[in-house]
Amino acid sequence: PLPAAARAGRRPERGAGEGWRDRGAVRGDLRGRRRGLDGSLRRRRVGRIGPLPGLSLAAARASCGEAVDAASLYSLLRSVGLECGPRYRMLELAAVSSAAGAAVGRLCRRSRKEGTRVHPADLDGSL
């Protein structure tokens, strides 16, 4: 899940990530730390949250014409050891484009956010 500062809409402390809040949108760099072979602690980029430049949601949807059955996807995930309980099965619809290496999906609407802007189960479920 996102750090507490990001969930609360505040900028986290330096080093945990940068630029979490921009007019209500969550975006920025996620960074982690790991030990090098010499035992020293090193920073590394883990991921990036934000809009892709030059790609609209409409264009992504239009390029993804191969429907994916959500129940079949969850069965496949279970067969490789990733068990998603009912509260984590948020994917309602999904479509992919093998040629473009892209996918789009629609998540089920959650009625209780339990004190967060985006419930952690929704983040996990969307991945």
Protein backbone atom coordinates (compact mmCIF):
# COMPACT_ATOMS: atom_id res chain seq x y z
CA PRO A 1 0.00 0.00 0.00
CA LEU A 2 0.95 3.63 -0.34
CA PRO A 3 2.79 5.27 2.56
CA ALA A 4 0.50 6.88 5.13
CA ALA A 5 1.56 10.35 3.98
CA ALA A 6 0.41 9.59 0.44
CA ARG A 7 -2.91 8.15 1.61
CA ALA A 8 -3.53 11.25 3.71
CA GLY A 9 -2.74 13.53 0.76
CA ARG A 10 0.49 14.86 2.25
CA ARG A 11 3.98 14.88 0.83
CA PRO A 12 6.09 12.18 2.52
CA GLU A 13 9.48 12.82 4.05
CA ARG A 14 12.39 13.20 1.68
CA GLY A 15 13.72 9.88 0.44
CA ALA A 16 10.47 7.94 0.69
CA GLY A 17 9.18 9.29 -2.61
CA GLU A 18 8.66 12.62 -4.25
CA GLY A 19 5.66 14.60 -5.44
CA TRP A 20 2.90 12.41 -4.03
CA ARG A 21 0.10 14.94 -4.30
CA ASP A 22 -0.65 17.15 -7.27
CA ARG A 23 -4.19 18.61 -7.25
CA GLY A 24 -5.76 15.42 -5.94
CA ALA A 25 -3.84 13.05 -8.23
CA VAL A 26 -1.34 10.63 -6.79
CA ARG A 27 1.90 10.65 -8.68
CA GLY A 28 5.64 10.59 -8.14
CA ASP A 29 8.61 8.29 -7.85
CA LEU A 30 8.62 5.29 -5.55
CA ARG A 31 12.02 4.44 -4.21
CA GLY A 32 13.35 1.62 -2.15
CA ARG A 33 16.62 0.78 -0.46
CA ARG A 34 18.65 -2.37 -0.64
CA ARG A 35 22.00 -3.57 0.62
CA GLY A 36 24.80 -3.82 -1.90
CA LEU A 37 27.28 -6.71 -1.98
CA ASP A 38 29.57 -4.66 0.26
CA GLY A 39 26.78 -4.22 2.84
CA SER A 40 26.20 -0.55 2.11
CA LEU A 41 22.64 0.76 1.86
CA ARG A 42 21.80 1.91 -1.67
CA ARG A 43 18.80 3.76 -3.05
CA ARG A 44 17.03 2.46 -6.11
CA ARG A 45 13.94 3.38 -8.08
CA VAL A 46 11.21 0.82 -7.70
CA GLY A 47 8.47 2.32 -9.82
CA ARG A 48 6.68 5.41 -11.02
CA ILE A 49 3.10 6.52 -10.49
CA GLY A 50 1.53 8.98 -12.89
CA PRO A 51 0.09 9.46 -16.32
CA LEU A 52 1.98 8.14 -19.31
CA PRO A 53 3.02 10.96 -21.61
CA GLY A 54 1.20 10.99 -24.94
CA LEU A 55 -1.23 8.19 -24.08
CA SER A 56 -4.90 8.84 -23.49
CA LEU A 57 -7.25 6.46 -21.75
CA ALA A 58 -9.45 6.41 -24.85
CA ALA A 59 -6.47 5.39 -27.02
CA ALA A 60 -5.48 2.66 -24.56
CA ARG A 61 -9.03 1.30 -24.49
CA ALA A 62 -9.25 1.35 -28.28
CA SER A 63 -5.99 -0.59 -28.67
CA CYS A 64 -7.01 -3.35 -26.24
CA GLY A 65 -9.48 -5.53 -28.12
CA GLU A 66 -8.81 -8.96 -26.57
CA ALA A 67 -11.24 -9.51 -23.65
CA VAL A 68 -9.94 -11.31 -20.57
CA ASP A 69 -12.30 -13.20 -18.26
CA ALA A 70 -11.60 -11.97 -14.72
CA ALA A 71 -12.59 -15.30 -13.09
CA SER A 72 -10.19 -17.18 -15.39
CA LEU A 73 -7.43 -14.72 -14.57
CA TYR A 74 -7.91 -15.25 -10.83
CA SER A 75 -7.87 -19.05 -11.38
CA LEU A 76 -4.61 -18.73 -13.30
CA LEU A 77 -3.10 -16.60 -10.53
CA ARG A 78 -4.16 -19.20 -7.96
CA SER A 79 -2.53 -22.00 -10.00
CA VAL A 80 0.84 -20.22 -9.72
CA GLY A 81 0.50 -19.57 -5.99
CA LEU A 82 -1.09 -16.11 -5.82
CA GLU A 83 -4.34 -16.45 -3.91
CA CYS A 84 -6.59 -13.38 -4.05
CA GLY A 85 -9.33 -13.47 -1.43
CA PRO A 86 -12.79 -12.09 -2.24
CA ARG A 87 -11.96 -8.57 -0.99
CA TYR A 88 -8.93 -8.47 -3.30
CA ARG A 89 -10.75 -9.61 -6.44
CA MET A 90 -11.50 -6.11 -7.64
CA LEU A 91 -11.14 -6.67 -11.38
CA GLU A 92 -14.52 -6.47 -13.08
CA LEU A 93 -13.51 -6.22 -16.75
CA ALA A 94 -10.15 -6.46 -18.51
CA ALA A 95 -8.87 -6.28 -22.07
CA VAL A 96 -5.36 -6.60 -23.47
CA SER A 97 -3.39 -5.87 -26.59
CA SER A 98 -0.61 -8.39 -27.11
CA ALA A 99 0.85 -6.33 -29.93
CA ALA A 100 1.02 -3.10 -27.91
CA GLY A 101 1.89 -4.77 -24.60
CA ALA A 102 -0.97 -2.88 -22.95
CA ALA A 103 -3.95 -3.72 -20.78
CA VAL A 104 -6.94 -1.84 -19.43
CA GLY A 105 -9.34 -2.84 -16.72
CA ARG A 106 -12.28 -1.71 -14.68
CA LEU A 107 -12.37 -2.27 -10.95
CA CYS A 108 -15.48 -2.91 -8.87
CA ARG A 109 -16.61 0.13 -6.89
CA ARG A 110 -15.84 -0.12 -3.20
CA SER A 111 -18.47 1.27 -0.83
CA ARG A 112 -16.22 1.49 2.27
CA LYS A 113 -12.77 3.03 1.96
CA GLU A 114 -12.02 2.52 5.67
CA GLY A 115 -10.33 5.89 6.19
CA THR A 116 -8.27 5.94 2.98
CA ARG A 117 -8.65 7.74 -0.33
CA VAL A 118 -7.77 4.55 -2.20
CA HIS A 119 -8.26 1.31 -0.28
CA PRO A 120 -5.09 -0.86 -0.24
CA ALA A 121 -7.11 -3.82 -1.56
CA ASP A 122 -7.99 -1.75 -4.63
CA LEU A 123 -4.32 -1.05 -5.30
CA ASP A 124 -3.39 -4.71 -4.87
CA GLY A 125 -6.39 -5.83 -6.91
CA SER A 126 -5.55 -3.50 -9.77
CA LEU A 127 -2.07 -4.94 -10.13
